[in-house]
Amino acid sequence: MIKSELVQRIAEHNPHLYQRDVENIVNAILDEIVAALARGDRVELRGFGAFSVKHRPARAGRNPRTGAHVPVDQKSVPFFKTGKEMRERLNRDNPAGAADTDD
């Protein structure tokens, strides 16, 4: 699902809201999550999961084509850990061995 599909589904489930308002709300939520992560904060949504930033130190990499050693700068990467309620719901709704289907 992409962001526009998410906005459309939320708008369909809330006919009293205009789609542009739903889009503004979704953008505001996502922008605030990104801003919090940029500040180094952790964002926890109970029952859904937690967003955080992991810092990877600088290291020596290797060019796969030439084999030459290349310095790789340190970087920060976003990390998401699912909440317990989401894991339980996914495992209850999709038992092991069931075929995955994309909607």
N, C-alpha and C. Protein backbone atom coordinates (compact mmCIF):
# COMPACT_ATOMS: atom_id res chain seq x y z
N MET A 1 0.85 -1.17 0.00
CA MET A 1 0.00 0.00 0.00
C MET A 1 0.90 1.24 0.00
N ILE A 2 0.56 2.18 -0.85
CA ILE A 2 1.30 3.43 -0.89
C ILE A 2 0.49 4.51 -0.17
N LYS A 3 1.13 5.66 0.06
CA LYS A 3 0.50 6.70 0.87
C LYS A 3 -0.84 7.15 0.28
N SER A 4 -0.93 7.31 -1.03
CA SER A 4 -2.20 7.76 -1.63
C SER A 4 -3.31 6.73 -1.40
N GLU A 5 -2.97 5.44 -1.41
CA GLU A 5 -3.99 4.41 -1.14
C GLU A 5 -4.42 4.46 0.31
N LEU A 6 -3.48 4.73 1.21
CA LEU A 6 -3.81 4.87 2.63
C LEU A 6 -4.77 6.04 2.83
N VAL A 7 -4.46 7.17 2.22
CA VAL A 7 -5.33 8.35 2.32
C VAL A 7 -6.71 8.03 1.78
N GLN A 8 -6.78 7.34 0.65
CA GLN A 8 -8.07 7.01 0.04
C GLN A 8 -8.88 6.10 0.95
N ARG A 9 -8.25 5.10 1.55
CA ARG A 9 -8.98 4.18 2.45
C ARG A 9 -9.49 4.90 3.68
N ILE A 10 -8.66 5.76 4.26
CA ILE A 10 -9.11 6.50 5.44
C ILE A 10 -10.27 7.41 5.08
N ALA A 11 -10.20 8.06 3.92
CA ALA A 11 -11.28 8.94 3.47
C ALA A 11 -12.57 8.15 3.25
N GLU A 12 -12.45 6.94 2.71
CA GLU A 12 -13.64 6.11 2.48
C GLU A 12 -14.30 5.70 3.80
N HIS A 13 -13.48 5.44 4.83
CA HIS A 13 -14.01 5.02 6.12
C HIS A 13 -14.51 6.21 6.94
N ASN A 14 -14.18 7.42 6.52
CA ASN A 14 -14.61 8.63 7.21
C ASN A 14 -15.21 9.60 6.21
N PRO A 15 -16.43 9.32 5.74
CA PRO A 15 -17.03 10.15 4.68
C PRO A 15 -17.27 11.60 5.10
N HIS A 16 -17.25 11.89 6.39
CA HIS A 16 -17.45 13.26 6.85
C HIS A 16 -16.18 14.12 6.68
N LEU A 17 -15.06 13.50 6.31
CA LEU A 17 -13.81 14.22 6.08
C LEU A 17 -13.52 14.32 4.59
N TYR A 18 -13.03 15.47 4.17
CA TYR A 18 -12.61 15.63 2.78
C TYR A 18 -11.29 14.90 2.58
N GLN A 19 -11.08 14.38 1.38
CA GLN A 19 -9.85 13.64 1.10
C GLN A 19 -8.62 14.53 1.29
N ARG A 20 -8.70 15.80 0.93
CA ARG A 20 -7.54 16.69 1.09
C ARG A 20 -7.21 16.89 2.57
N ASP A 21 -8.26 16.88 3.44
CA ASP A 21 -8.02 17.00 4.88
C ASP A 21 -7.35 15.74 5.41
N VAL A 22 -7.79 14.59 4.94
CA VAL A 22 -7.17 13.32 5.35
C VAL A 22 -5.72 13.30 4.90
N GLU A 23 -5.46 13.76 3.68
CA GLU A 23 -4.09 13.80 3.17
C GLU A 23 -3.22 14.72 4.03
N ASN A 24 -3.76 15.87 4.44
CA ASN A 24 -3.02 16.79 5.30
C ASN A 24 -2.73 16.17 6.65
N ILE A 25 -3.68 15.42 7.19
CA ILE A 25 -3.50 14.76 8.49
C ILE A 25 -2.42 13.69 8.39
N VAL A 26 -2.49 12.85 7.36
CA VAL A 26 -1.49 11.79 7.17
C VAL A 26 -0.10 12.41 6.99
N ASN A 27 0.00 13.46 6.18
CA ASN A 27 1.28 14.13 5.97
C ASN A 27 1.81 14.73 7.27
N ALA A 28 0.92 15.32 8.07
CA ALA A 28 1.34 15.93 9.34
C ALA A 28 1.88 14.87 10.29
N ILE A 29 1.22 13.72 10.34
CA ILE A 29 1.68 12.63 11.21
C ILE A 29 3.05 12.12 10.76
N LEU A 30 3.19 11.87 9.48
CA LEU A 30 4.46 11.36 8.96
C LEU A 30 5.57 12.40 9.12
N ASP A 31 5.26 13.67 8.86
CA ASP A 31 6.26 14.72 9.02
C ASP A 31 6.73 14.83 10.47
N GLU A 32 5.80 14.68 11.42
CA GLU A 32 6.18 14.77 12.83
C GLU A 32 7.03 13.57 13.26
N ILE A 33 6.74 12.39 12.72
CA ILE A 33 7.57 11.21 13.01
C ILE A 33 8.98 11.44 12.49
N VAL A 34 9.09 11.95 11.27
CA VAL A 34 10.41 12.21 10.67
C VAL A 34 11.15 13.28 11.48
N ALA A 35 10.45 14.34 11.88
CA ALA A 35 11.08 15.41 12.66
C ALA A 35 11.58 14.89 14.00
N ALA A 36 10.78 14.04 14.65
CA ALA A 36 11.19 13.48 15.94
C ALA A 36 12.43 12.60 15.77
N LEU A 37 12.45 11.80 14.72
CA LEU A 37 13.63 10.95 14.47
C LEU A 37 14.85 11.80 14.17
N ALA A 38 14.67 12.89 13.43
CA ALA A 38 15.78 13.79 13.11
C ALA A 38 16.35 14.42 14.38
N ARG A 39 15.50 14.66 15.38
CA ARG A 39 15.96 15.21 16.66
C ARG A 39 16.63 14.15 17.52
N GLY A 40 16.51 12.88 17.10
CA GLY A 40 17.08 11.79 17.89
C GLY A 40 16.09 11.17 18.86
N ASP A 41 14.83 11.57 18.75
CA ASP A 41 13.80 11.02 19.64
C ASP A 41 13.31 9.68 19.13
N ARG A 42 12.67 8.94 20.01
CA ARG A 42 12.04 7.66 19.69
C ARG A 42 10.55 7.92 19.61
N VAL A 43 9.87 7.35 18.62
CA VAL A 43 8.42 7.52 18.46
C VAL A 43 7.77 6.17 18.69
N GLU A 44 6.94 6.09 19.73
CA GLU A 44 6.28 4.83 20.06
C GLU A 44 4.78 4.99 19.90
N LEU A 45 4.18 4.11 19.10
CA LEU A 45 2.74 4.07 18.91
C LEU A 45 2.25 2.75 19.51
N ARG A 46 1.66 2.83 20.68
CA ARG A 46 1.25 1.62 21.41
C ARG A 46 0.40 0.71 20.53
N GLY A 47 0.72 -0.56 20.53
CA GLY A 47 -0.01 -1.54 19.75
C GLY A 47 0.42 -1.61 18.30
N PHE A 48 1.19 -0.63 17.85
CA PHE A 48 1.64 -0.61 16.46
C PHE A 48 3.12 -0.90 16.38
N GLY A 49 3.92 -0.06 17.03
CA GLY A 49 5.35 -0.27 17.01
C GLY A 49 6.10 0.98 17.41
N ALA A 50 7.42 0.91 17.29
CA ALA A 50 8.27 2.03 17.69
C ALA A 50 9.28 2.33 16.59
N PHE A 51 9.42 3.61 16.29
CA PHE A 51 10.41 4.09 15.34
C PHE A 51 11.59 4.63 16.14
N SER A 52 12.79 4.33 15.71
CA SER A 52 13.97 4.88 16.35
C SER A 52 15.05 5.02 15.29
N VAL A 53 16.17 5.60 15.71
CA VAL A 53 17.30 5.80 14.80
C VAL A 53 18.46 4.98 15.32
N LYS A 54 19.06 4.21 14.44
CA LYS A 54 20.27 3.46 14.79
C LYS A 54 21.44 4.14 14.11
N HIS A 55 22.52 4.26 14.85
CA HIS A 55 23.72 4.91 14.32
C HIS A 55 24.74 3.84 13.94
N ARG A 56 25.16 3.88 12.70
CA ARG A 56 26.18 2.94 12.23
C ARG A 56 27.51 3.66 12.17
N PRO A 57 28.53 3.10 12.79
CA PRO A 57 29.84 3.77 12.80
C PRO A 57 30.52 3.71 11.43
N ALA A 58 31.51 4.58 11.27
CA ALA A 58 32.31 4.55 10.04
C ALA A 58 33.04 3.21 9.98
N ARG A 59 33.28 2.74 8.78
CA ARG A 59 33.94 1.45 8.62
C ARG A 59 34.68 1.42 7.30
N ALA A 60 35.46 0.38 7.13
CA ALA A 60 36.17 0.19 5.86
C ALA A 60 35.34 -0.78 5.02
N GLY A 61 34.91 -0.32 3.86
CA GLY A 61 34.15 -1.18 2.94
C GLY A 61 35.07 -1.67 1.84
N ARG A 62 34.47 -2.37 0.89
CA ARG A 62 35.26 -2.90 -0.21
C ARG A 62 34.47 -2.76 -1.49
N ASN A 63 35.13 -2.25 -2.52
CA ASN A 63 34.51 -2.13 -3.83
C ASN A 63 34.41 -3.55 -4.40
N PRO A 64 33.21 -4.06 -4.67
CA PRO A 64 33.09 -5.43 -5.16
C PRO A 64 33.70 -5.66 -6.55
N ARG A 65 33.78 -4.63 -7.34
CA ARG A 65 34.32 -4.78 -8.69
C ARG A 65 35.85 -4.85 -8.68
N THR A 66 36.47 -3.94 -7.92
CA THR A 66 37.94 -3.87 -7.95
C THR A 66 38.59 -4.52 -6.74
N GLY A 67 37.83 -4.68 -5.67
CA GLY A 67 38.40 -5.24 -4.45
C GLY A 67 39.13 -4.21 -3.61
N ALA A 68 39.14 -2.96 -4.05
CA ALA A 68 39.83 -1.89 -3.31
C ALA A 68 39.06 -1.55 -2.04
N HIS A 69 39.81 -1.23 -0.99
CA HIS A 69 39.18 -0.81 0.26
C HIS A 69 38.72 0.63 0.12
N VAL A 70 37.49 0.88 0.60
CA VAL A 70 36.87 2.20 0.47
C VAL A 70 36.34 2.61 1.85
N PRO A 71 36.62 3.83 2.29
CA PRO A 71 36.06 4.26 3.58
C PRO A 71 34.55 4.53 3.45
N VAL A 72 33.79 4.04 4.41
CA VAL A 72 32.35 4.27 4.44
C VAL A 72 32.07 5.15 5.65
N ASP A 73 31.46 6.30 5.44
CA ASP A 73 31.18 7.24 6.52
C ASP A 73 30.15 6.68 7.49
N GLN A 74 30.15 7.25 8.69
CA GLN A 74 29.12 6.87 9.65
C GLN A 74 27.78 7.37 9.13
N LYS A 75 26.70 6.71 9.53
CA LYS A 75 25.39 7.15 9.10
C LYS A 75 24.33 6.74 10.10
N SER A 76 23.21 7.41 10.03
CA SER A 76 22.06 7.11 10.87
C SER A 76 20.99 6.51 9.98
N VAL A 77 20.38 5.43 10.44
CA VAL A 77 19.34 4.76 9.66
C VAL A 77 18.09 4.60 10.51
N PRO A 78 16.91 4.77 9.89
CA PRO A 78 15.67 4.58 10.64
C PRO A 78 15.46 3.10 10.93
N PHE A 79 14.85 2.82 12.08
CA PHE A 79 14.60 1.44 12.49
C PHE A 79 13.17 1.38 13.02
N PHE A 80 12.45 0.31 12.67
CA PHE A 80 11.08 0.12 13.14
C PHE A 80 10.97 -1.24 13.79
N LYS A 81 10.43 -1.27 15.00
CA LYS A 81 10.19 -2.53 15.69
C LYS A 81 8.69 -2.64 15.93
N THR A 82 8.10 -3.74 15.47
CA THR A 82 6.65 -3.91 15.62
C THR A 82 6.29 -4.09 17.09
N GLY A 83 5.08 -3.65 17.41
CA GLY A 83 4.56 -3.80 18.75
C GLY A 83 4.00 -5.20 18.95
N LYS A 84 3.87 -5.58 20.20
CA LYS A 84 3.39 -6.91 20.55
C LYS A 84 1.98 -7.16 19.98
N GLU A 85 1.11 -6.17 20.11
CA GLU A 85 -0.26 -6.33 19.63
C GLU A 85 -0.30 -6.55 18.12
N MET A 86 0.54 -5.84 17.37
CA MET A 86 0.57 -6.02 15.92
C MET A 86 1.08 -7.42 15.57
N ARG A 87 2.15 -7.86 16.22
CA ARG A 87 2.68 -9.20 15.95
C ARG A 87 1.63 -10.27 16.23
N GLU A 88 0.94 -10.13 17.35
CA GLU A 88 -0.09 -11.12 17.70
C GLU A 88 -1.22 -11.11 16.68
N ARG A 89 -1.62 -9.91 16.26
CA ARG A 89 -2.72 -9.81 15.29
C ARG A 89 -2.31 -10.39 13.94
N LEU A 90 -1.10 -10.12 13.50
CA LEU A 90 -0.63 -10.67 12.23
C LEU A 90 -0.55 -12.19 12.28
N ASN A 91 -0.07 -12.73 13.38
CA ASN A 91 0.05 -14.18 13.51
C ASN A 91 -1.30 -14.86 13.69
N ARG A 92 -2.25 -14.17 14.29
CA ARG A 92 -3.60 -14.74 14.45
C ARG A 92 -4.32 -14.73 13.11
N ASP A 93 -4.18 -13.62 12.35
CA ASP A 93 -4.89 -13.48 11.08
C ASP A 93 -4.25 -14.26 9.95
N ASN A 94 -2.94 -14.55 10.05
CA ASN A 94 -2.21 -15.23 8.98
C ASN A 94 -1.41 -16.38 9.58
N PRO A 95 -2.07 -17.53 9.83
CA PRO A 95 -1.35 -18.64 10.46
C PRO A 95 -0.19 -19.13 9.59
N ALA A 96 0.79 -19.70 10.25
CA ALA A 96 1.99 -20.19 9.55
C ALA A 96 1.59 -21.18 8.46
N GLY A 97 2.23 -21.02 7.32
CA GLY A 97 1.95 -21.92 6.21
C GLY A 97 0.90 -21.39 5.25
N ALA A 98 0.18 -20.33 5.66
CA ALA A 98 -0.82 -19.76 4.76
C ALA A 98 -0.12 -18.93 3.70
N ALA A 99 -0.66 -18.95 2.50
CA ALA A 99 -0.06 -18.19 1.40
C ALA A 99 -0.29 -16.71 1.62
N ASP A 100 0.76 -15.90 1.41
CA ASP A 100 0.62 -14.46 1.49
C ASP A 100 -0.02 -13.93 0.21
N THR A 101 -0.93 -12.99 0.36
CA THR A 101 -1.54 -12.38 -0.82
C THR A 101 -1.48 -10.88 -0.67
N ASP A 102 -1.15 -10.19 -1.76
CA ASP A 102 -1.15 -8.74 -1.78
C ASP A 102 -2.52 -8.27 -2.22
N ASP A 103 -3.03 -7.25 -1.52
CA ASP A 103 -4.33 -6.69 -1.89
C ASP A 103 -4.19 -5.65 -2.95
